[in-house]
């Protein structure tokens, strides 16, 4: 769990602006889901459109935040980003994770 806590702490550090977080709630699901939809429908245009729009949301968010996407320094963020957005979306509906709470506490100290 130490890796998850540390990555979530770093995610929180790099995503403090609520506008950036909001763009990630849209962009990351598009990036993750459109390849699956494109394969099911056998339509590469869905894949391209989803990736372009999803990554545009990501880049706009980081422009608003004033930093570069985390994966430019930590490639593991390409995997951790979707996980962290999933954790935050789960928290919105009342499902909480201990590692996320510990990371927030560590960030405040």
C-alpha atoms as a PDB file:
ATOM      1  CA  UNK A   1       0.000   0.000   0.000  1.00  0.00           C
ATOM      2  CA  UNK A   2       2.950   2.372   0.431  1.00  0.00           C
ATOM      3  CA  UNK A   3       3.183   2.834  -3.353  1.00  0.00           C
ATOM      4  CA  UNK A   4      -0.498   3.771  -3.625  1.00  0.00           C
ATOM      5  CA  UNK A   5      -0.232   6.230  -0.747  1.00  0.00           C
ATOM      6  CA  UNK A   6       2.863   7.890  -2.209  1.00  0.00           C
ATOM      7  CA  UNK A   7       1.427   8.081  -5.720  1.00  0.00           C
ATOM      8  CA  UNK A   8      -1.851   9.500  -4.426  1.00  0.00           C
ATOM      9  CA  UNK A   9       0.072  12.090  -2.406  1.00  0.00           C
ATOM     10  CA  UNK A  10       1.994  13.077  -5.553  1.00  0.00           C
ATOM     11  CA  UNK A  11      -1.242  13.126  -7.546  1.00  0.00           C
ATOM     12  CA  UNK A  12      -2.761  15.517  -5.003  1.00  0.00           C
ATOM     13  CA  UNK A  13       0.358  17.693  -5.150  1.00  0.00           C
ATOM     14  CA  UNK A  14       0.173  17.950  -8.944  1.00  0.00           C
ATOM     15  CA  UNK A  15      -3.616  18.391  -9.099  1.00  0.00           C
ATOM     16  CA  UNK A  16      -4.539  21.078  -6.552  1.00  0.00           C
ATOM     17  CA  UNK A  17      -6.589  23.288  -8.864  1.00  0.00           C
ATOM     18  CA  UNK A  18     -10.226  22.102  -8.905  1.00  0.00           C
ATOM     19  CA  UNK A  19     -10.452  23.011 -12.602  1.00  0.00           C
ATOM     20  CA  UNK A  20      -7.609  20.627 -13.383  1.00  0.00           C
ATOM     21  CA  UNK A  21      -9.258  17.884 -11.355  1.00  0.00           C
ATOM     22  CA  UNK A  22     -12.533  18.502 -13.228  1.00  0.00           C
ATOM     23  CA  UNK A  23     -10.817  18.167 -16.610  1.00  0.00           C
ATOM     24  CA  UNK A  24      -9.350  14.860 -15.432  1.00  0.00           C
ATOM     25  CA  UNK A  25     -12.799  13.560 -14.492  1.00  0.00           C
ATOM     26  CA  UNK A  26     -13.732  13.966 -18.159  1.00  0.00           C
ATOM     27  CA  UNK A  27     -10.432  13.376 -19.964  1.00  0.00           C
ATOM     28  CA  UNK A  28      -9.227  10.211 -18.251  1.00  0.00           C
ATOM     29  CA  UNK A  29     -12.481   8.260 -18.711  1.00  0.00           C
ATOM     30  CA  UNK A  30     -12.477   9.241 -22.400  1.00  0.00           C
ATOM     31  CA  UNK A  31      -8.890   8.052 -22.787  1.00  0.00           C
ATOM     32  CA  UNK A  32      -9.619   4.761 -21.034  1.00  0.00           C
ATOM     33  CA  UNK A  33     -13.083   3.955 -22.391  1.00  0.00           C
ATOM     34  CA  UNK A  34     -12.905   4.982 -26.056  1.00  0.00           C
ATOM     35  CA  UNK A  35     -10.439   2.245 -27.080  1.00  0.00           C
ATOM     36  CA  UNK A  36     -12.840  -0.360 -25.699  1.00  0.00           C
ATOM     37  CA  UNK A  37     -15.848   1.201 -27.431  1.00  0.00           C
ATOM     38  CA  UNK A  38     -13.872   1.542 -30.678  1.00  0.00           C
ATOM     39  CA  UNK A  39     -12.934  -2.153 -30.581  1.00  0.00           C
ATOM     40  CA  UNK A  40     -16.495  -3.241 -29.891  1.00  0.00           C
ATOM     41  CA  UNK A  41     -17.884  -1.086 -32.696  1.00  0.00           C
ATOM     42  CA  UNK A  42     -14.865  -1.653 -34.956  1.00  0.00           C
ATOM     43  CA  UNK A  43     -14.635   2.087 -35.602  1.00  0.00           C
ATOM     44  CA  UNK A  44     -11.180   3.646 -35.389  1.00  0.00           C
ATOM     45  CA  UNK A  45     -12.689   7.141 -35.632  1.00  0.00           C
ATOM     46  CA  UNK A  46     -14.169   6.721 -32.143  1.00  0.00           C
ATOM     47  CA  UNK A  47     -10.734   5.816 -30.853  1.00  0.00           C
ATOM     48  CA  UNK A  48      -9.055   8.827 -32.487  1.00  0.00           C
ATOM     49  CA  UNK A  49     -11.756  11.277 -31.423  1.00  0.00           C
ATOM     50  CA  UNK A  50     -11.800   9.989 -27.848  1.00  0.00           C
ATOM     51  CA  UNK A  51      -8.037  10.147 -27.529  1.00  0.00           C
ATOM     52  CA  UNK A  52      -7.766  13.630 -29.019  1.00  0.00           C
ATOM     53  CA  UNK A  53     -10.566  15.034 -26.870  1.00  0.00           C
ATOM     54  CA  UNK A  54      -9.442  13.175 -23.728  1.00  0.00           C
ATOM     55  CA  UNK A  55      -5.829  14.314 -24.010  1.00  0.00           C
ATOM     56  CA  UNK A  56      -6.959  17.860 -24.835  1.00  0.00           C
ATOM     57  CA  UNK A  57      -8.870  17.932 -21.549  1.00  0.00           C
ATOM     58  CA  UNK A  58      -5.746  16.696 -19.754  1.00  0.00           C
ATOM     59  CA  UNK A  59      -3.506  19.342 -21.310  1.00  0.00           C
ATOM     60  CA  UNK A  60      -5.973  22.168 -20.682  1.00  0.00           C
ATOM     61  CA  UNK A  61      -6.229  21.099 -17.050  1.00  0.00           C
ATOM     62  CA  UNK A  62      -2.490  21.150 -16.562  1.00  0.00           C
ATOM     63  CA  UNK A  63      -2.253  24.505 -18.330  1.00  0.00           C
ATOM     64  CA  UNK A  64      -4.789  25.857 -15.816  1.00  0.00           C
ATOM     65  CA  UNK A  65      -2.787  24.267 -12.991  1.00  0.00           C
ATOM     66  CA  UNK A  66       0.456  25.693 -14.342  1.00  0.00           C
ATOM     67  CA  UNK A  67       2.378  22.423 -14.475  1.00  0.00           C
ATOM     68  CA  UNK A  68       3.176  19.569 -16.820  1.00  0.00           C
ATOM     69  CA  UNK A  69       1.295  16.261 -16.753  1.00  0.00           C
ATOM     70  CA  UNK A  70       2.775  13.983 -14.086  1.00  0.00           C
ATOM     71  CA  UNK A  71       3.680  11.234 -16.547  1.00  0.00           C
ATOM     72  CA  UNK A  72       6.386  13.470 -18.068  1.00  0.00           C
ATOM     73  CA  UNK A  73       8.415  12.900 -14.896  1.00  0.00           C
ATOM     74  CA  UNK A  74       6.857   9.693 -13.552  1.00  0.00           C
ATOM     75  CA  UNK A  75       5.653   7.339 -16.313  1.00  0.00           C
ATOM     76  CA  UNK A  76       3.803   5.260 -13.711  1.00  0.00           C
ATOM     77  CA  UNK A  77       1.315   8.148 -13.652  1.00  0.00           C
ATOM     78  CA  UNK A  78      -0.110   6.831 -16.929  1.00  0.00           C
ATOM     79  CA  UNK A  79      -1.443   3.927 -14.874  1.00  0.00           C
ATOM     80  CA  UNK A  80      -1.941   5.721 -11.589  1.00  0.00           C
ATOM     81  CA  UNK A  81      -3.910   8.647 -13.071  1.00  0.00           C
ATOM     82  CA  UNK A  82      -6.918   6.519 -14.054  1.00  0.00           C
ATOM     83  CA  UNK A  83      -6.743   4.722 -10.706  1.00  0.00           C
ATOM     84  CA  UNK A  84      -6.685   7.993  -8.787  1.00  0.00           C
ATOM     85  CA  UNK A  85      -9.630   9.408 -10.735  1.00  0.00           C
ATOM     86  CA  UNK A  86     -11.540   6.178 -10.054  1.00  0.00           C
ATOM     87  CA  UNK A  87     -10.752   6.509  -6.337  1.00  0.00           C
ATOM     88  CA  UNK A  88     -11.995  10.099  -6.275  1.00  0.00           C
ATOM     89  CA  UNK A  89     -15.170   9.222  -8.176  1.00  0.00           C
ATOM     90  CA  UNK A  90     -15.819   6.361  -5.737  1.00  0.00           C
ATOM     91  CA  UNK A  91     -15.381   8.777  -2.849  1.00  0.00           C
ATOM     92  CA  UNK A  92     -18.074  11.021  -4.327  1.00  0.00           C
ATOM     93  CA  UNK A  93     -20.550   8.166  -3.860  1.00  0.00           C
ATOM     94  CA  UNK A  94     -19.344   7.258  -0.373  1.00  0.00           C
ATOM     95  CA  UNK A  95     -16.756   4.545  -1.045  1.00  0.00           C
ATOM     96  CA  UNK A  96     -13.534   5.467   0.750  1.00  0.00           C
ATOM     97  CA  UNK A  97     -10.044   4.017   0.707  1.00  0.00           C
ATOM     98  CA  UNK A  98      -7.615   4.095   3.622  1.00  0.00           C
ATOM     99  CA  UNK A  99      -4.552   4.792   1.474  1.00  0.00           C
ATOM    100  CA  UNK A 100      -6.211   7.911   0.018  1.00  0.00           C
ATOM    101  CA  UNK A 101      -7.100   9.244   3.461  1.00  0.00           C
ATOM    102  CA  UNK A 102      -3.554   8.590   4.722  1.00  0.00           C
ATOM    103  CA  UNK A 103      -2.097  10.346   1.655  1.00  0.00           C
ATOM    104  CA  UNK A 104      -4.270  13.403   2.282  1.00  0.00           C
ATOM    105  CA  UNK A 105      -3.190  13.499   5.919  1.00  0.00           C
ATOM    106  CA  UNK A 106       0.488  13.186   4.942  1.00  0.00           C
ATOM    107  CA  UNK A 107       0.024  15.991   2.425  1.00  0.00           C
ATOM    108  CA  UNK A 108      -1.385  18.301   5.108  1.00  0.00           C
ATOM    109  CA  UNK A 109       1.544  17.705   7.500  1.00  0.00           C
END
